[in-house]
Amino acid sequence: MSLNRQPNIAEHDAIYEELINAQRDLGDEQAEMFLAKLVLILANHVGDRAVLSEAIALARANTLATAG
């Protein structure tokens, strides 16, 4: 399996809203913890080490490229 880089989320606006709402009323530390837990839950669901490594590298590169 390889990392799917194409848009693949049905109702993407609704998912974005759900993510924002899930963090509402959380402090910064709690929001970071929430996101870390969500990442680990989804990583477990994916399960493929190569895909996860590719996603980690992509996220890091994108973060470094947009850091301002």
PDB file of N, CA and C in Angstrom:
ATOM      1  N   MET A   1       0.848  -1.169   0.000  1.00  0.00           N
ATOM      2  CA  MET A   1       0.000   0.000   0.000  1.00  0.00           C
ATOM      3  C   MET A   1       0.896   1.236   0.000  1.00  0.00           C
ATOM      4  N   SER A   2       0.498   2.262  -0.732  1.00  0.00           N
ATOM      5  CA  SER A   2       1.251   3.510  -0.702  1.00  0.00           C
ATOM      6  C   SER A   2       0.351   4.630  -0.186  1.00  0.00           C
ATOM      7  N   LEU A   3       0.966   5.694   0.242  1.00  0.00           N
ATOM      8  CA  LEU A   3       0.238   6.827   0.806  1.00  0.00           C
ATOM      9  C   LEU A   3      -0.601   7.486  -0.278  1.00  0.00           C
ATOM     10  N   ASN A   4      -1.886   7.611  -0.032  1.00  0.00           N
ATOM     11  CA  ASN A   4      -2.802   8.275  -0.959  1.00  0.00           C
ATOM     12  C   ASN A   4      -2.692   9.775  -0.740  1.00  0.00           C
ATOM     13  N   ARG A   5      -2.212  10.508  -1.728  1.00  0.00           N
ATOM     14  CA  ARG A   5      -2.039  11.956  -1.611  1.00  0.00           C
ATOM     15  C   ARG A   5      -3.154  12.729  -2.316  1.00  0.00           C
ATOM     16  N   GLN A   6      -4.123  12.010  -2.824  1.00  0.00           N
ATOM     17  CA  GLN A   6      -5.252  12.648  -3.508  1.00  0.00           C
ATOM     18  C   GLN A   6      -6.379  12.895  -2.504  1.00  0.00           C
ATOM     19  N   PRO A   7      -7.191  13.945  -2.725  1.00  0.00           N
ATOM     20  CA  PRO A   7      -8.330  14.181  -1.840  1.00  0.00           C
ATOM     21  C   PRO A   7      -9.181  12.913  -1.732  1.00  0.00           C
ATOM     22  N   ASN A   8      -9.487  12.504  -0.491  1.00  0.00           N
ATOM     23  CA  ASN A   8     -10.132  11.210  -0.289  1.00  0.00           C
ATOM     24  C   ASN A   8     -11.118  11.240   0.874  1.00  0.00           C
ATOM     25  N   ILE A   9     -11.545  12.419   1.289  1.00  0.00           N
ATOM     26  CA  ILE A   9     -12.435  12.525   2.444  1.00  0.00           C
ATOM     27  C   ILE A   9     -13.803  12.999   1.970  1.00  0.00           C
ATOM     28  N   ALA A  10     -14.798  12.151   2.128  1.00  0.00           N
ATOM     29  CA  ALA A  10     -16.170  12.554   1.824  1.00  0.00           C
ATOM     30  C   ALA A  10     -16.595  13.608   2.846  1.00  0.00           C
ATOM     31  N   GLU A  11     -17.324  14.584   2.385  1.00  0.00           N
ATOM     32  CA  GLU A  11     -17.815  15.647   3.264  1.00  0.00           C
ATOM     33  C   GLU A  11     -16.675  16.295   4.051  1.00  0.00           C
ATOM     34  N   HIS A  12     -15.632  16.693   3.344  1.00  0.00           N
ATOM     35  CA  HIS A  12     -14.435  17.231   3.990  1.00  0.00           C
ATOM     36  C   HIS A  12     -14.734  18.463   4.845  1.00  0.00           C
ATOM     37  N   ASP A  13     -15.672  19.294   4.440  1.00  0.00           N
ATOM     38  CA  ASP A  13     -16.011  20.468   5.253  1.00  0.00           C
ATOM     39  C   ASP A  13     -16.618  20.052   6.587  1.00  0.00           C
ATOM     40  N   ALA A  14     -17.441  19.018   6.584  1.00  0.00           N
ATOM     41  CA  ALA A  14     -18.063  18.530   7.815  1.00  0.00           C
ATOM     42  C   ALA A  14     -17.013  17.935   8.752  1.00  0.00           C
ATOM     43  N   ILE A  15     -16.034  17.228   8.186  1.00  0.00           N
ATOM     44  CA  ILE A  15     -14.962  16.657   9.011  1.00  0.00           C
ATOM     45  C   ILE A  15     -14.129  17.769   9.628  1.00  0.00           C
ATOM     46  N   TYR A  16     -13.811  18.792   8.835  1.00  0.00           N
ATOM     47  CA  TYR A  16     -13.052  19.936   9.357  1.00  0.00           C
ATOM     48  C   TYR A  16     -13.814  20.581  10.516  1.00  0.00           C
ATOM     49  N   GLU A  17     -15.106  20.798  10.328  1.00  0.00           N
ATOM     50  CA  GLU A  17     -15.928  21.395  11.387  1.00  0.00           C
ATOM     51  C   GLU A  17     -15.943  20.512  12.637  1.00  0.00           C
ATOM     52  N   GLU A  18     -16.033  19.205  12.450  1.00  0.00           N
ATOM     53  CA  GLU A  18     -16.027  18.273  13.578  1.00  0.00           C
ATOM     54  C   GLU A  18     -14.698  18.329  14.336  1.00  0.00           C
ATOM     55  N   LEU A  19     -13.587  18.428  13.602  1.00  0.00           N
ATOM     56  CA  LEU A  19     -12.269  18.545  14.245  1.00  0.00           C
ATOM     57  C   LEU A  19     -12.167  19.837  15.053  1.00  0.00           C
ATOM     58  N   ILE A  20     -12.640  20.934  14.490  1.00  0.00           N
ATOM     59  CA  ILE A  20     -12.611  22.212  15.197  1.00  0.00           C
ATOM     60  C   ILE A  20     -13.494  22.151  16.437  1.00  0.00           C
ATOM     61  N   ASN A  21     -14.691  21.618  16.281  1.00  0.00           N
ATOM     62  CA  ASN A  21     -15.617  21.529  17.418  1.00  0.00           C
ATOM     63  C   ASN A  21     -15.097  20.615  18.524  1.00  0.00           C
ATOM     64  N   ALA A  22     -14.376  19.569  18.146  1.00  0.00           N
ATOM     65  CA  ALA A  22     -13.834  18.643  19.144  1.00  0.00           C
ATOM     66  C   ALA A  22     -12.784  19.319  20.019  1.00  0.00           C
ATOM     67  N   GLN A  23     -12.165  20.383  19.502  1.00  0.00           N
ATOM     68  CA  GLN A  23     -11.136  21.096  20.262  1.00  0.00           C
ATOM     69  C   GLN A  23     -11.674  22.328  20.980  1.00  0.00           C
ATOM     70  N   ARG A  24     -12.924  22.653  20.715  1.00  0.00           N
ATOM     71  CA  ARG A  24     -13.535  23.814  21.346  1.00  0.00           C
ATOM     72  C   ARG A  24     -13.511  23.651  22.866  1.00  0.00           C
ATOM     73  N   ASP A  25     -13.215  24.691  23.546  1.00  0.00           N
ATOM     74  CA  ASP A  25     -13.166  24.728  25.016  1.00  0.00           C
ATOM     75  C   ASP A  25     -12.008  23.920  25.603  1.00  0.00           C
ATOM     76  N   LEU A  26     -11.077  23.477  24.776  1.00  0.00           N
ATOM     77  CA  LEU A  26      -9.881  22.816  25.285  1.00  0.00           C
ATOM     78  C   LEU A  26      -8.769  23.853  25.383  1.00  0.00           C
ATOM     79  N   GLY A  27      -7.944  23.722  26.392  1.00  0.00           N
ATOM     80  CA  GLY A  27      -6.760  24.555  26.470  1.00  0.00           C
ATOM     81  C   GLY A  27      -5.760  24.106  25.418  1.00  0.00           C
ATOM     82  N   ASP A  28      -4.700  24.886  25.232  1.00  0.00           N
ATOM     83  CA  ASP A  28      -3.696  24.542  24.218  1.00  0.00           C
ATOM     84  C   ASP A  28      -3.097  23.163  24.454  1.00  0.00           C
ATOM     85  N   GLU A  29      -2.761  22.863  25.697  1.00  0.00           N
ATOM     86  CA  GLU A  29      -2.163  21.560  26.017  1.00  0.00           C
ATOM     87  C   GLU A  29      -3.151  20.426  25.754  1.00  0.00           C
ATOM     88  N   GLN A  30      -4.413  20.627  26.130  1.00  0.00           N
ATOM     89  CA  GLN A  30      -5.434  19.603  25.885  1.00  0.00           C
ATOM     90  C   GLN A  30      -5.660  19.404  24.388  1.00  0.00           C
ATOM     91  N   ALA A  31      -5.662  20.495  23.617  1.00  0.00           N
ATOM     92  CA  ALA A  31      -5.852  20.394  22.166  1.00  0.00           C
ATOM     93  C   ALA A  31      -4.693  19.630  21.533  1.00  0.00           C
ATOM     94  N   GLU A  32      -3.473  19.896  21.978  1.00  0.00           N
ATOM     95  CA  GLU A  32      -2.319  19.149  21.475  1.00  0.00           C
ATOM     96  C   GLU A  32      -2.416  17.678  21.833  1.00  0.00           C
ATOM     97  N   MET A  33      -2.862  17.395  23.044  1.00  0.00           N
ATOM     98  CA  MET A  33      -3.037  15.995  23.478  1.00  0.00           C
ATOM     99  C   MET A  33      -4.113  15.307  22.644  1.00  0.00           C
ATOM    100  N   PHE A  34      -5.214  16.007  22.401  1.00  0.00           N
ATOM    101  CA  PHE A  34      -6.293  15.476  21.573  1.00  0.00           C
ATOM    102  C   PHE A  34      -5.755  15.105  20.186  1.00  0.00           C
ATOM    103  N   LEU A  35      -5.020  16.031  19.560  1.00  0.00           N
ATOM    104  CA  LEU A  35      -4.491  15.771  18.221  1.00  0.00           C
ATOM    105  C   LEU A  35      -3.489  14.619  18.223  1.00  0.00           C
ATOM    106  N   ALA A  36      -2.647  14.541  19.252  1.00  0.00           N
ATOM    107  CA  ALA A  36      -1.682  13.440  19.346  1.00  0.00           C
ATOM    108  C   ALA A  36      -2.413  12.101  19.472  1.00  0.00           C
ATOM    109  N   LYS A  37      -3.457  12.072  20.287  1.00  0.00           N
ATOM    110  CA  LYS A  37      -4.226  10.835  20.448  1.00  0.00           C
ATOM    111  C   LYS A  37      -4.930  10.450  19.159  1.00  0.00           C
ATOM    112  N   LEU A  38      -5.493  11.446  18.467  1.00  0.00           N
ATOM    113  CA  LEU A  38      -6.160  11.177  17.202  1.00  0.00           C
ATOM    114  C   LEU A  38      -5.177  10.611  16.185  1.00  0.00           C
ATOM    115  N   VAL A  39      -3.980  11.172  16.120  1.00  0.00           N
ATOM    116  CA  VAL A  39      -2.952  10.674  15.202  1.00  0.00           C
ATOM    117  C   VAL A  39      -2.616   9.219  15.517  1.00  0.00           C
ATOM    118  N   LEU A  40      -2.441   8.909  16.785  1.00  0.00           N
ATOM    119  CA  LEU A  40      -2.088   7.530  17.152  1.00  0.00           C
ATOM    120  C   LEU A  40      -3.219   6.552  16.866  1.00  0.00           C
ATOM    121  N   ILE A  41      -4.450   6.966  17.091  1.00  0.00           N
ATOM    122  CA  ILE A  41      -5.601   6.110  16.781  1.00  0.00           C
ATOM    123  C   ILE A  41      -5.667   5.837  15.279  1.00  0.00           C
ATOM    124  N   LEU A  42      -5.499   6.895  14.470  1.00  0.00           N
ATOM    125  CA  LEU A  42      -5.547   6.716  13.021  1.00  0.00           C
ATOM    126  C   LEU A  42      -4.336   5.946  12.504  1.00  0.00           C
ATOM    127  N   ALA A  43      -3.163   6.167  13.105  1.00  0.00           N
ATOM    128  CA  ALA A  43      -1.971   5.406  12.720  1.00  0.00           C
ATOM    129  C   ALA A  43      -2.184   3.919  12.987  1.00  0.00           C
ATOM    130  N   ASN A  44      -2.793   3.608  14.114  1.00  0.00           N
ATOM    131  CA  ASN A  44      -3.090   2.213  14.422  1.00  0.00           C
ATOM    132  C   ASN A  44      -4.044   1.628  13.387  1.00  0.00           C
ATOM    133  N   HIS A  45      -5.022   2.418  12.964  1.00  0.00           N
ATOM    134  CA  HIS A  45      -5.981   1.958  11.961  1.00  0.00           C
ATOM    135  C   HIS A  45      -5.281   1.676  10.624  1.00  0.00           C
ATOM    136  N   VAL A  46      -4.381   2.576  10.220  1.00  0.00           N
ATOM    137  CA  VAL A  46      -3.643   2.389   8.968  1.00  0.00           C
ATOM    138  C   VAL A  46      -2.760   1.159   9.073  1.00  0.00           C
ATOM    139  N   GLY A  47      -1.949   1.115  10.122  1.00  0.00           N
ATOM    140  CA  GLY A  47      -1.172  -0.071  10.436  1.00  0.00           C
ATOM    141  C   GLY A  47       0.043  -0.363   9.565  1.00  0.00           C
ATOM    142  N   ASP A  48       0.119   0.190   8.382  1.00  0.00           N
ATOM    143  CA  ASP A  48       1.209  -0.096   7.460  1.00  0.00           C
ATOM    144  C   ASP A  48       2.387   0.828   7.771  1.00  0.00           C
ATOM    145  N   ARG A  49       3.493   0.243   8.225  1.00  0.00           N
ATOM    146  CA  ARG A  49       4.651   1.023   8.669  1.00  0.00           C
ATOM    147  C   ARG A  49       5.210   1.907   7.561  1.00  0.00           C
ATOM    148  N   ALA A  50       5.286   1.413   6.356  1.00  0.00           N
ATOM    149  CA  ALA A  50       5.831   2.199   5.245  1.00  0.00           C
ATOM    150  C   ALA A  50       4.942   3.410   4.943  1.00  0.00           C
ATOM    151  N   VAL A  51       3.653   3.214   4.953  1.00  0.00           N
ATOM    152  CA  VAL A  51       2.716   4.318   4.709  1.00  0.00           C
ATOM    153  C   VAL A  51       2.835   5.353   5.819  1.00  0.00           C
ATOM    154  N   LEU A  52       2.910   4.891   7.055  1.00  0.00           N
ATOM    155  CA  LEU A  52       3.031   5.816   8.181  1.00  0.00           C
ATOM    156  C   LEU A  52       4.346   6.588   8.113  1.00  0.00           C
ATOM    157  N   SER A  53       5.433   5.928   7.758  1.00  0.00           N
ATOM    158  CA  SER A  53       6.723   6.609   7.636  1.00  0.00           C
ATOM    159  C   SER A  53       6.679   7.658   6.529  1.00  0.00           C
ATOM    160  N   GLU A  54       6.032   7.335   5.422  1.00  0.00           N
ATOM    161  CA  GLU A  54       5.901   8.297   4.332  1.00  0.00           C
ATOM    162  C   GLU A  54       5.063   9.501   4.772  1.00  0.00           C
ATOM    163  N   ALA A  55       3.986   9.242   5.500  1.00  0.00           N
ATOM    164  CA  ALA A  55       3.122  10.327   5.987  1.00  0.00           C
ATOM    165  C   ALA A  55       3.862  11.219   6.984  1.00  0.00           C
ATOM    166  N   ILE A  56       4.644  10.614   7.864  1.00  0.00           N
ATOM    167  CA  ILE A  56       5.425  11.390   8.843  1.00  0.00           C
ATOM    168  C   ILE A  56       6.425  12.281   8.122  1.00  0.00           C
ATOM    169  N   ALA A  57       7.128  11.725   7.148  1.00  0.00           N
ATOM    170  CA  ALA A  57       8.114  12.506   6.400  1.00  0.00           C
ATOM    171  C   ALA A  57       7.440  13.640   5.629  1.00  0.00           C
ATOM    172  N   LEU A  58       6.299  13.370   5.023  1.00  0.00           N
ATOM    173  CA  LEU A  58       5.578  14.391   4.269  1.00  0.00           C
ATOM    174  C   LEU A  58       5.097  15.511   5.186  1.00  0.00           C
ATOM    175  N   ALA A  59       4.531  15.150   6.329  1.00  0.00           N
ATOM    176  CA  ALA A  59       4.050  16.158   7.270  1.00  0.00           C
ATOM    177  C   ALA A  59       5.196  17.014   7.791  1.00  0.00           C
ATOM    178  N   ARG A  60       6.335  16.394   8.079  1.00  0.00           N
ATOM    179  CA  ARG A  60       7.483  17.152   8.570  1.00  0.00           C
ATOM    180  C   ARG A  60       8.004  18.101   7.492  1.00  0.00           C
ATOM    181  N   ALA A  61       8.174  17.611   6.297  1.00  0.00           N
ATOM    182  CA  ALA A  61       8.682  18.444   5.209  1.00  0.00           C
ATOM    183  C   ALA A  61       7.737  19.619   4.939  1.00  0.00           C
ATOM    184  N   ASN A  62       6.438  19.344   4.945  1.00  0.00           N
ATOM    185  CA  ASN A  62       5.460  20.402   4.710  1.00  0.00           C
ATOM    186  C   ASN A  62       5.485  21.437   5.836  1.00  0.00           C
ATOM    187  N   THR A  63       5.630  20.961   7.055  1.00  0.00           N
ATOM    188  CA  THR A  63       5.689  21.873   8.207  1.00  0.00           C
ATOM    189  C   THR A  63       6.918  22.753   8.136  1.00  0.00           C
ATOM    190  N   LEU A  64       8.058  22.161   7.821  1.00  0.00           N
ATOM    191  CA  LEU A  64       9.290  22.942   7.721  1.00  0.00           C
ATOM    192  C   LEU A  64       9.224  23.942   6.558  1.00  0.00           C
ATOM    193  N   ALA A  65       8.594  23.552   5.471  1.00  0.00           N
ATOM    194  CA  ALA A  65       8.490  24.436   4.307  1.00  0.00           C
ATOM    195  C   ALA A  65       7.584  25.619   4.550  1.00  0.00           C
ATOM    196  N   THR A  66       6.611  25.459   5.441  1.00  0.00           N
ATOM    197  CA  THR A  66       5.641  26.538   5.680  1.00  0.00           C
ATOM    198  C   THR A  66       5.906  27.282   6.968  1.00  0.00           C
ATOM    199  N   ALA A  67       6.923  26.848   7.733  1.00  0.00           N
ATOM    200  CA  ALA A  67       7.247  27.536   8.976  1.00  0.00           C
ATOM    201  C   ALA A  67       7.750  28.942   8.652  1.00  0.00           C
ATOM    202  N   GLY A  68       7.228  29.883   9.407  1.00  0.00           N
ATOM    203  CA  GLY A  68       7.522  31.195   8.990  1.00  0.00           C
ATOM    204  C   GLY A  68       8.283  32.107   9.753  1.00  0.00           C
TER     205      GLY A  68
END
